[in-house]
C-alpha cells in the first residue's frame, strides 16, 4: 500500500472486460541493461534446494523455483512462461441472503438487475444464461490452459460496504445482514474454485485497518457479527475481527480443499510505514514482528503463505502526480531501499513460519515517459535481476500488476516485463532456498 493518507484504490469491473473477450533515485538505466539472474548482491549465495519453508511450499504446487506471475490479459499470459496469473474479485454483493441461482431471473445487486451481466456482482459478469460464477471458473480454466496457477485476490469488504475506506468500513463487519451476504459470497467464490489448485488472498488492507485503528492494535477490539452471519461455518468463532479471519480461513479448507490461502501483511499497519523508512537505526524486524503477531491473532498460523507488497502504484506516478517520493534505491545505499524491504518481509515470514509472495508489484520501467499507464518504476528490473535476494528473505513469488487503472500494465510497458520473465526463465529460475 503506497497511497497518500493511507488509502489505496483497487481495480475492479474494468478487469472483467479483458477476461471476457525516489525523487533523486540513481537508477536511470534502460530496461535490458542490467545483468541477468545469478548476479545478486554480495552475501547472497544460491543454495542447493535443501529443505526450507519456500521449497516445501513450492513442492506442493509442483514447482521448485521462485514463481513469477502477473495480472494480465490473455495474449500477455501466452507471451512468456509465467507461473501464476492473478485476478481481483472486487465489486458489489448480491442483494439476497445467498448467492443468486440465475443471472437472468430475480438476481440484483444494489437494486440493479443482473440480466445481461450489467449489475455490480462479479458472479454475473458473464452470459446470463450460464450459471453464475463463470467469471472465476473461466479464469481458472484460462490460467490452467497456459500451465499457470490461478491466484485470486478477494477484496470485497470495502467495495461492498458502502462506507468510506479504512476505519469506517470496519463498521459494516458488525452488521449481521451485510456480513451474512459477504460470507455467503465468499462461500460462493470458494465453491467456484472447488477442487482446483489455486492461490487465494483474503482481503488485502483489511487486516491492516483492524490493527491500525483500534487503540490497542488488537483485532478483538473490532466487533464483527460472525456467528449470526454464518452460523453454519463459523458458529464457534469469536464475534470480532479475529473470529472473522479464522472463519474465512476455515471456509477455504471446507469448500476449496486444494487451494492455498494467505493473508496480507501491510508495512504500514503499525502506523509506521516501514517501506518508506529513512532512519537507519529503526528496528525493521521488530516492526515486522508486530504485524506478524497481529496476523497470527486472526488465524495466519493456519494459512499457507503471506502476501507482501512494494507499492500499489508506480513510483513515477507518485512523483509526478503527488510530488512524493516512493522510490527504493536499487544500489541499497540510501533509505528507503530494497534491502530494507526484504529485511522486513523476511522477519514477517520468520515470525509466521510461512513463506511470502510479493504481490501487485508495480510494472513500470525507466524507459517510459511518465504519463498515463506508462510510468517509471524500478521494481520489475530489480526483482527479476536479483531473485536470490527475494529467495534469501523467504520469498516464493513475484507477482506484478497495476493497483488501479492509471498505472502501467504488462500491456503498456513496452514489453519489458515479458522480456524480463523470459530471461529469468531461460536462466533456469531461482531456487527457493538460498544462504546469506
Protein backbone atom coordinates (compact mmCIF):
# COMPACT_ATOMS: atom_id res chain seq x y z
CA UNK A 1 0.00 0.00 0.00
CA UNK A 2 1.57 3.28 -1.02
CA UNK A 3 -1.17 5.86 -1.46
CA UNK A 4 -1.23 9.21 0.33
CA UNK A 5 -3.21 9.48 3.56
CA UNK A 6 -3.13 5.73 3.95
CA UNK A 7 -5.72 4.60 1.46
CA UNK A 8 -5.48 2.77 -1.86
CA UNK A 9 -7.94 2.29 -4.67
CA UNK A 10 -8.22 -1.05 -6.44
CA UNK A 11 -9.17 -2.04 -9.96
CA UNK A 12 -12.47 -3.85 -10.24
CA UNK A 13 -15.10 -4.17 -13.01
CA UNK A 14 -12.85 -2.97 -15.81
CA UNK A 15 -10.90 -6.17 -15.31
CA UNK A 16 -13.90 -8.15 -16.46
CA UNK A 17 -13.69 -6.77 -19.98
CA UNK A 18 -10.20 -8.12 -20.52
CA UNK A 19 -11.19 -11.52 -19.20
CA UNK A 20 -14.38 -11.78 -21.15
CA UNK A 21 -13.29 -11.17 -24.74
CA UNK A 22 12.81 8.01 -5.45
CA UNK A 23 12.97 11.52 -6.31
CA UNK A 24 16.66 11.73 -6.99
CA UNK A 25 16.88 7.98 -7.46
CA UNK A 26 20.12 6.95 -9.10
CA UNK A 27 18.62 4.21 -11.27
CA UNK A 28 18.37 5.66 -14.74
CA UNK A 29 19.28 2.52 -16.67
CA UNK A 30 17.32 1.34 -19.65
CA UNK A 31 15.35 -1.91 -19.46
CA UNK A 32 17.57 -4.78 -20.53
CA UNK A 33 20.73 -3.03 -19.44
CA UNK A 34 21.07 -4.73 -16.07
CA UNK A 35 22.78 -8.09 -15.50
CA UNK A 36 20.63 -11.19 -15.51
CA UNK A 37 19.71 -13.70 -12.82
CA UNK A 38 22.59 -15.04 -10.78
CA UNK A 39 24.23 -11.64 -10.33
CA UNK A 40 22.79 -10.91 -6.92
CA UNK A 41 24.50 -8.64 -4.46
CA UNK A 42 27.28 -9.55 -2.01
CA UNK A 43 26.44 -12.16 0.56
CA UNK A 44 23.70 -13.87 -1.41
CA UNK A 45 24.65 -17.35 -2.49
CA UNK A 46 22.21 -19.60 -4.34
CA UNK A 47 21.52 -22.65 -2.22
CA UNK A 48 21.27 -26.31 -3.12
CA UNK A 49 17.50 -26.60 -2.83
CA UNK A 50 17.68 -28.08 0.66
CA UNK A 51 14.51 -28.09 2.70
CA UNK A 52 13.16 -24.74 3.78
CA UNK A 53 9.77 -23.06 4.06
CA UNK A 54 9.85 -21.89 0.47
CA UNK A 55 10.92 -25.20 -1.03
CA UNK A 56 8.27 -27.14 0.86
CA UNK A 57 5.57 -24.72 -0.24
CA UNK A 58 6.61 -24.74 -3.89
CA UNK A 59 6.75 -28.53 -3.93
CA UNK A 60 3.05 -28.65 -3.07
CA UNK A 61 2.44 -26.61 -6.24
CA UNK A 62 4.67 -28.81 -8.37
CA UNK A 63 7.30 -26.07 -8.57
CA UNK A 64 10.91 -25.73 -7.44
CA UNK A 65 11.87 -22.16 -8.31
CA UNK A 66 10.57 -18.76 -7.23
CA UNK A 67 7.28 -18.11 -9.01
CA UNK A 68 6.78 -15.23 -11.38
CA UNK A 69 3.35 -14.02 -12.41
CA UNK A 70 1.13 -11.06 -13.20
CA UNK A 71 -2.31 -9.60 -13.60
CA UNK A 72 -2.54 -9.61 -17.37
CA UNK A 73 -4.60 -10.10 -20.48
CA UNK A 74 -4.83 -13.36 -22.39
CA UNK A 75 -2.23 -12.52 -25.04
CA UNK A 76 0.33 -11.47 -22.43
CA UNK A 77 -0.29 -14.64 -20.43
CA UNK A 78 0.72 -16.61 -23.51
CA UNK A 79 3.73 -14.43 -24.37
CA UNK A 80 6.08 -15.67 -21.63
CA UNK A 81 6.33 -18.69 -19.31
CA UNK A 82 4.56 -17.11 -16.34
CA UNK A 83 3.91 -19.43 -13.39
CA UNK A 84 0.95 -17.52 -11.98
CA UNK A 85 -1.89 -15.37 -13.29
CA UNK A 86 -3.88 -13.30 -10.83
CA UNK A 87 -7.30 -11.71 -10.66
CA UNK A 88 -9.17 -9.29 -8.39
CA UNK A 89 -12.63 -10.02 -7.09
CA UNK A 90 -13.72 -6.52 -6.07
CA UNK A 91 -17.17 -5.08 -6.60
CA UNK A 92 -20.61 -5.46 -5.03
CA UNK A 93 -22.61 -8.29 -3.48
CA UNK A 94 -25.93 -9.87 -4.43
CA UNK A 95 -28.92 -8.38 -2.59
CA UNK A 96 -30.37 -11.72 -1.47
CA UNK A 97 -29.27 -13.65 1.61
CA UNK A 98 -27.43 -16.18 -0.52
CA UNK A 99 -25.89 -16.28 -3.97
CA UNK A 100 -28.23 -15.96 -6.93
CA UNK A 101 -29.09 -19.15 -8.78
CA UNK A 102 -29.58 -17.34 -12.07
CA UNK A 103 -28.28 -14.09 -13.52
CA UNK A 104 -31.27 -13.88 -15.84
CA UNK A 105 -34.03 -14.02 -13.26
CA UNK A 106 -34.52 -12.47 -9.84
CA UNK A 107 -30.89 -11.52 -9.24
CA UNK A 108 -29.98 -7.97 -8.24
CA UNK A 109 -27.02 -6.12 -6.77
CA UNK A 110 -27.53 -2.70 -5.17
CA UNK A 111 -31.06 -2.84 -6.57
CA UNK A 112 -29.93 -3.28 -10.17
CA UNK A 113 -30.88 -6.32 -12.21
CA UNK A 114 -28.08 -8.68 -13.23
CA UNK A 115 -29.73 -9.55 -16.54
CA UNK A 116 -27.18 -9.20 -19.31
CA UNK A 117 -24.30 -9.11 -16.83
CA UNK A 118 -24.98 -5.45 -16.07
CA UNK A 119 -25.07 -5.48 -12.27
CA UNK A 120 -22.20 -4.92 -9.86
CA UNK A 121 -21.96 -8.51 -8.61
CA UNK A 122 -18.94 -10.31 -10.06
CA UNK A 123 -20.91 -13.58 -10.14
CA UNK A 124 -22.91 -12.28 -13.10
CA UNK A 125 -20.16 -10.72 -15.20
CA UNK A 126 -20.96 -13.20 -17.97
CA UNK A 127 -23.59 -14.51 -20.38
CA UNK A 128 -26.65 -14.53 -18.17
CA UNK A 129 -27.92 -17.92 -19.34
CA UNK A 130 -24.90 -19.66 -17.81
CA UNK A 131 -24.80 -20.48 -14.10
CA UNK A 132 -23.39 -17.59 -12.02
CA UNK A 133 -19.68 -17.64 -11.28
CA UNK A 134 -18.36 -18.21 -14.80
CA UNK A 135 -16.10 -15.18 -14.35
CA UNK A 136 -14.00 -17.16 -11.87
CA UNK A 137 -14.47 -20.60 -13.40
CA UNK A 138 -13.36 -19.34 -16.82
CA UNK A 139 -10.41 -17.50 -15.31
CA UNK A 140 -9.21 -20.69 -13.64
CA UNK A 141 -9.56 -22.63 -16.88
CA UNK A 142 -7.70 -19.95 -18.86
CA UNK A 143 -4.81 -19.94 -16.40
CA UNK A 144 -4.62 -23.72 -16.35
CA UNK A 145 -4.64 -23.87 -20.15
CA UNK A 146 -1.43 -21.85 -20.11
CA UNK A 147 0.12 -24.01 -17.41
CA UNK A 148 -0.34 -21.23 -14.85
CA UNK A 149 -1.57 -21.31 -11.28
CA UNK A 150 -4.65 -19.13 -10.76
CA UNK A 151 -4.28 -16.60 -7.93
CA UNK A 152 -7.42 -14.82 -6.74
CA UNK A 153 -7.49 -11.75 -4.51
CA UNK A 154 -10.79 -11.34 -2.66
CA UNK A 155 -11.26 -7.62 -1.93
CA UNK A 156 -14.96 -7.17 -1.26
CA UNK A 157 -15.31 -5.80 2.28
CA UNK A 158 -14.67 -2.17 1.35
CA UNK A 159 -16.21 -2.15 -2.12
CA UNK A 160 -19.48 -3.68 -0.94
CA UNK A 161 -19.75 -1.99 2.46
CA UNK A 162 -20.93 1.43 1.28
CA UNK A 163 -18.63 3.06 3.82
CA UNK A 164 -15.53 5.20 3.40
CA UNK A 165 -12.38 3.11 3.15
CA UNK A 166 -10.50 2.44 6.37
CA UNK A 167 -11.93 2.88 9.84
CA UNK A 168 -15.49 3.50 8.62
CA UNK A 169 -15.68 0.32 6.54
CA UNK A 170 -14.97 -1.76 9.65
CA UNK A 171 -18.43 -0.81 10.96
CA UNK A 172 -20.01 -3.00 8.28
CA UNK A 173 -18.43 -6.07 9.84
CA UNK A 174 -20.80 -5.83 12.78
CA UNK A 175 -23.88 -5.68 10.56
CA UNK A 176 -25.09 -9.29 10.53
CA UNK A 177 -27.16 -8.80 7.36
CA UNK A 178 -24.22 -7.35 5.43
CA UNK A 179 -21.71 -9.82 6.83
CA UNK A 180 -24.08 -12.67 6.08
CA UNK A 181 -24.20 -11.74 2.38
CA UNK A 182 -20.45 -11.13 2.40
CA UNK A 183 -19.61 -14.55 3.83
CA UNK A 184 -22.17 -16.17 1.52
CA UNK A 185 -20.34 -14.52 -1.38
CA UNK A 186 -17.02 -15.82 -0.07
CA UNK A 187 -18.55 -19.32 0.15
CA UNK A 188 -19.86 -18.97 -3.40
CA UNK A 189 -16.39 -17.99 -4.66
CA UNK A 190 -14.81 -20.96 -2.89
CA UNK A 191 -17.33 -23.29 -4.47
CA UNK A 192 -16.33 -21.98 -7.91
CA UNK A 193 -12.73 -22.94 -7.07
CA UNK A 194 -13.93 -26.30 -5.78
CA UNK A 195 -11.28 -29.00 -6.04
CA UNK A 196 -8.94 -26.95 -8.23
CA UNK A 197 -5.45 -25.96 -7.17
CA UNK A 198 -5.35 -22.20 -6.70
CA UNK A 199 -3.84 -19.46 -4.54
CA UNK A 200 -6.28 -17.30 -2.58
CA UNK A 201 -5.52 -13.98 -0.90
CA UNK A 202 -8.08 -12.75 1.63
CA UNK A 203 -8.82 -9.03 1.87
CA UNK A 204 -5.58 -7.05 1.43
CA UNK A 205 -5.59 -3.93 3.65
CA UNK A 206 -8.46 -5.05 5.88
CA UNK A 207 -6.17 -6.78 8.39
CA UNK A 208 -4.01 -3.67 8.49
CA UNK A 209 -7.04 -1.50 9.24
CA UNK A 210 -8.03 -3.89 12.03
CA UNK A 211 -4.57 -3.35 13.55
CA UNK A 212 -4.12 0.32 12.67
CA UNK A 213 -7.30 1.87 14.06
CA UNK A 214 -8.03 0.27 17.46
CA UNK A 215 -6.07 1.98 20.24
CA UNK A 216 -4.77 -1.36 21.49
CA UNK A 217 -3.96 -2.64 17.99
CA UNK A 218 -5.95 -5.83 18.54
CA UNK A 219 -8.38 -7.48 16.16
CA UNK A 220 -10.54 -8.49 19.12
CA UNK A 221 -11.33 -4.80 19.68
CA UNK A 222 -13.37 -4.55 16.47
CA UNK A 223 -16.77 -6.23 16.73
CA UNK A 224 -17.93 -8.45 13.88
CA UNK A 225 -21.21 -10.37 13.75
CA UNK A 226 -19.51 -13.60 12.73
CA UNK A 227 -21.75 -16.14 14.47
CA UNK A 228 -25.04 -14.61 13.35
CA UNK A 229 -23.75 -14.00 9.82
CA UNK A 230 -22.60 -17.57 9.23
CA UNK A 231 -23.65 -19.99 11.99
CA UNK A 232 -23.15 -22.96 9.67
CA UNK A 233 -19.46 -22.46 9.04
CA UNK A 234 -18.40 -20.09 11.78
CA UNK A 235 -20.72 -20.56 14.75
CA UNK A 236 -17.81 -21.35 17.08
CA UNK A 237 -15.75 -18.26 16.19
CA UNK A 238 -15.41 -15.04 18.18
CA UNK A 239 -17.61 -12.08 17.22
CA UNK A 240 -14.71 -9.82 16.31
CA UNK A 241 -12.03 -9.27 13.69
CA UNK A 242 -10.04 -12.26 14.88
CA UNK A 243 -13.05 -14.53 14.57
CA UNK A 244 -13.72 -13.25 11.06
CA UNK A 245 -10.21 -14.09 9.89
CA UNK A 246 -10.34 -17.57 11.36
CA UNK A 247 -13.81 -18.09 9.90
CA UNK A 248 -12.76 -17.20 6.36
CA UNK A 249 -9.66 -19.40 6.51
CA UNK A 250 -11.68 -22.35 7.83
CA UNK A 251 -14.15 -21.91 4.98
CA UNK A 252 -11.31 -22.33 2.46
CA UNK A 253 -10.38 -25.68 3.97
CA UNK A 254 -14.02 -26.80 3.79
CA UNK A 255 -15.07 -25.62 0.33
CA UNK A 256 -11.78 -25.38 -1.63
CA UNK A 257 -9.56 -28.01 0.00
CA UNK A 258 -6.82 -27.98 -2.65
CA UNK A 259 -6.37 -24.21 -2.59
CA UNK A 260 -3.57 -22.43 -0.74
CA UNK A 261 -4.67 -19.43 1.28
CA UNK A 262 -2.83 -16.39 2.61
CA UNK A 263 -3.42 -13.11 4.44
CA UNK A 264 -1.85 -9.78 3.54
CA UNK A 265 0.89 -8.18 5.67
CA UNK A 266 0.96 -4.39 5.31
CA UNK A 267 4.15 -2.47 6.06
CA UNK A 268 2.11 0.46 7.47
CA UNK A 269 -0.23 -1.46 9.79
CA UNK A 270 1.66 -0.38 12.91
CA UNK A 271 1.29 3.33 11.98
CA UNK A 272 4.90 3.40 10.77
CA UNK A 273 5.33 2.76 7.04
CA UNK A 274 8.47 0.65 7.04
CA UNK A 275 8.63 0.58 3.23
CA UNK A 276 9.40 4.32 3.27
CA UNK A 277 11.52 4.44 6.44
CA UNK A 278 14.66 6.62 6.19
CA UNK A 279 16.01 6.10 9.73
CA UNK A 280 18.96 3.70 9.65
CA UNK A 281 18.56 2.97 13.38
CA UNK A 282 14.92 1.90 13.07
CA UNK A 283 14.15 -1.66 14.20
CA UNK A 284 12.73 -3.01 10.95
CA UNK A 285 12.49 -6.61 12.10
CA UNK A 286 10.85 -5.59 15.36
CA UNK A 287 8.16 -3.68 13.49
CA UNK A 288 7.61 -6.65 11.19
CA UNK A 289 7.11 -8.88 14.22
CA UNK A 290 4.26 -6.65 15.39
CA UNK A 291 2.46 -7.16 12.10
CA UNK A 292 3.13 -10.90 12.12
CA UNK A 293 1.89 -11.28 15.69
CA UNK A 294 -1.32 -9.47 14.74
CA UNK A 295 -1.84 -11.76 11.74
CA UNK A 296 -1.34 -14.79 13.98
CA UNK A 297 -4.20 -13.49 16.13
CA UNK A 298 -6.55 -13.57 13.12
CA UNK A 299 -5.57 -17.05 12.00
CA UNK A 300 -2.38 -16.74 9.94
CA UNK A 301 -0.95 -19.78 11.68
CA UNK A 302 -3.48 -21.85 9.75
CA UNK A 303 -2.65 -20.33 6.34
CA UNK A 304 -0.13 -21.46 3.73
CA UNK A 305 1.62 -18.20 2.82
CA UNK A 306 1.55 -14.47 3.47
CA UNK A 307 1.44 -11.73 0.84
CA UNK A 308 3.57 -8.58 0.96
CA UNK A 309 3.82 -5.68 -1.46
CA UNK A 310 6.07 -2.83 -2.51
CA UNK A 311 3.55 -0.25 -3.70
CA UNK A 312 0.14 -0.19 -5.30
CA UNK A 313 1.28 2.38 -7.87
CA UNK A 314 4.32 3.22 -9.95
CA UNK A 315 6.93 5.44 -8.30
CA UNK A 316 6.84 7.75 -11.30
CA UNK A 317 3.09 8.23 -10.84
CA UNK A 318 3.58 9.27 -7.21
CA UNK A 319 6.44 11.58 -8.12
CA UNK A 320 4.60 13.37 -10.90
CA UNK A 321 1.03 13.48 -9.59
CA UNK A 322 1.56 13.91 -5.83
CA UNK A 323 5.14 15.19 -5.59
CA UNK A 324 6.01 12.41 -3.15
CA UNK A 325 8.98 10.08 -3.35
CA UNK A 326 8.12 6.38 -3.47
CA UNK A 327 11.36 5.08 -4.94
CA UNK A 328 13.57 2.37 -3.46
CA UNK A 329 17.29 2.87 -4.05
CA UNK A 330 18.47 -0.03 -6.28
CA UNK A 331 22.06 0.42 -5.06
CA UNK A 332 20.91 -0.12 -1.47
CA UNK A 333 22.88 2.82 -0.16
CA UNK A 334 20.19 5.34 0.69
CA UNK A 335 17.00 4.54 2.55
CA UNK A 336 14.39 3.53 1.62
CA UNK A 337 15.90 0.69 -0.37
CA UNK A 338 15.30 -2.90 -1.45
CA UNK A 339 17.42 -4.45 1.28
CA UNK A 340 15.23 -2.82 3.93
CA UNK A 341 12.08 -4.15 2.24
CA UNK A 342 13.49 -7.66 2.07
CA UNK A 343 14.58 -7.46 5.72
CA UNK A 344 11.02 -6.59 6.73
CA UNK A 345 9.50 -9.34 4.59
CA UNK A 346 11.95 -11.92 5.92
CA UNK A 347 11.08 -11.03 9.51
CA UNK A 348 7.36 -11.40 8.77
CA UNK A 349 7.91 -14.84 7.23
CA UNK A 350 10.18 -15.97 10.03
CA UNK A 351 7.72 -14.95 12.73
CA UNK A 352 4.78 -16.58 10.94
CA UNK A 353 6.65 -19.64 9.79
CA UNK A 354 5.20 -19.04 6.32
CA UNK A 355 6.86 -18.12 3.01
CA UNK A 356 5.81 -14.85 1.42
CA UNK A 357 4.68 -13.83 -2.04
CA UNK A 358 5.37 -10.35 -3.41
CA UNK A 359 2.08 -9.26 -4.91
CA UNK A 360 0.94 -6.33 -7.07
CA UNK A 361 4.49 -5.20 -7.77
CA UNK A 362 4.50 -2.07 -9.99
CA UNK A 363 5.08 -2.80 -13.67
CA UNK A 364 6.74 0.47 -14.77
CA UNK A 365 10.30 0.75 -16.07
CA UNK A 366 12.82 3.53 -16.52
CA UNK A 367 12.37 3.92 -20.29
CA UNK A 368 8.73 5.01 -20.04
CA UNK A 369 7.61 8.65 -20.48
CA UNK A 370 5.91 9.11 -17.08
CA UNK A 371 2.42 9.54 -18.48
CA UNK A 372 -0.87 7.70 -18.17
CA UNK A 373 -0.35 3.93 -17.93
CA UNK A 374 3.35 4.38 -18.82
CA UNK A 375 5.08 5.35 -15.59
CA UNK A 376 8.62 4.83 -14.45
CA UNK A 377 9.50 2.38 -11.71
CA UNK A 378 12.42 0.05 -10.99
CA UNK A 379 10.74 -2.90 -9.26
CA UNK A 380 10.38 -5.20 -12.30
CA UNK A 381 14.01 -4.77 -13.24
CA UNK A 382 15.34 -5.15 -9.71
CA UNK A 383 13.27 -8.15 -8.64
CA UNK A 384 13.86 -10.11 -11.83
CA UNK A 385 17.62 -9.49 -11.78
CA UNK A 386 18.02 -10.12 -8.04
CA UNK A 387 15.87 -13.22 -7.45
CA UNK A 388 18.40 -14.61 -5.00
CA UNK A 389 17.66 -11.74 -2.64
CA UNK A 390 13.97 -12.49 -2.89
CA UNK A 391 14.55 -16.16 -2.06
CA UNK A 392 17.02 -15.42 0.74
CA UNK A 393 14.31 -13.46 2.53
CA UNK A 394 11.80 -16.30 2.27
CA UNK A 395 10.05 -15.11 -0.86
CA UNK A 396 8.50 -17.70 -3.14
CA UNK A 397 6.80 -15.49 -5.70
CA UNK A 398 7.00 -12.20 -7.59
CA UNK A 399 3.63 -11.12 -8.98
CA UNK A 400 3.35 -7.91 -11.00
CA UNK A 401 0.31 -5.78 -11.69
CA UNK A 402 -1.31 -2.36 -11.58
CA UNK A 403 -3.04 -1.18 -8.41
CA UNK A 404 -5.50 0.95 -10.37
CA UNK A 405 -6.42 1.71 -13.96
CA UNK A 406 -3.98 4.64 -14.27
CA UNK A 407 -0.87 2.55 -13.69
CA UNK A 408 1.50 0.76 -16.02
CA UNK A 409 0.32 -2.69 -17.07
CA UNK A 410 2.08 -5.60 -18.80
CA UNK A 411 0.27 -4.42 -21.93
CA UNK A 412 1.54 -0.80 -21.75
CA UNK A 413 5.13 -1.28 -20.50
CA UNK A 414 6.71 -1.70 -23.92
CA UNK A 415 7.25 -5.42 -23.45
CA UNK A 416 9.71 -5.08 -20.58
CA UNK A 417 8.01 -7.48 -18.16
CA UNK A 418 7.61 -10.22 -20.77
CA UNK A 419 11.25 -9.80 -21.77
CA UNK A 420 12.41 -9.97 -18.15
CA UNK A 421 10.33 -13.05 -17.40
CA UNK A 422 11.72 -14.86 -20.44
CA UNK A 423 15.27 -14.02 -19.37
CA UNK A 424 14.60 -15.19 -15.82
CA UNK A 425 13.12 -18.47 -17.02
CA UNK A 426 15.82 -19.03 -19.67
CA UNK A 427 18.39 -18.76 -16.86
CA UNK A 428 16.65 -21.58 -15.02
CA UNK A 429 14.82 -19.54 -12.42
CA UNK A 430 15.83 -19.12 -8.79
CA UNK A 431 15.95 -21.98 -6.30
CA UNK A 432 13.69 -21.34 -3.33
CA UNK A 433 16.42 -21.77 -0.72
CA UNK A 434 19.50 -19.59 -0.51
CA UNK A 435 22.05 -18.97 2.17
CA UNK A 436 23.11 -15.48 3.16
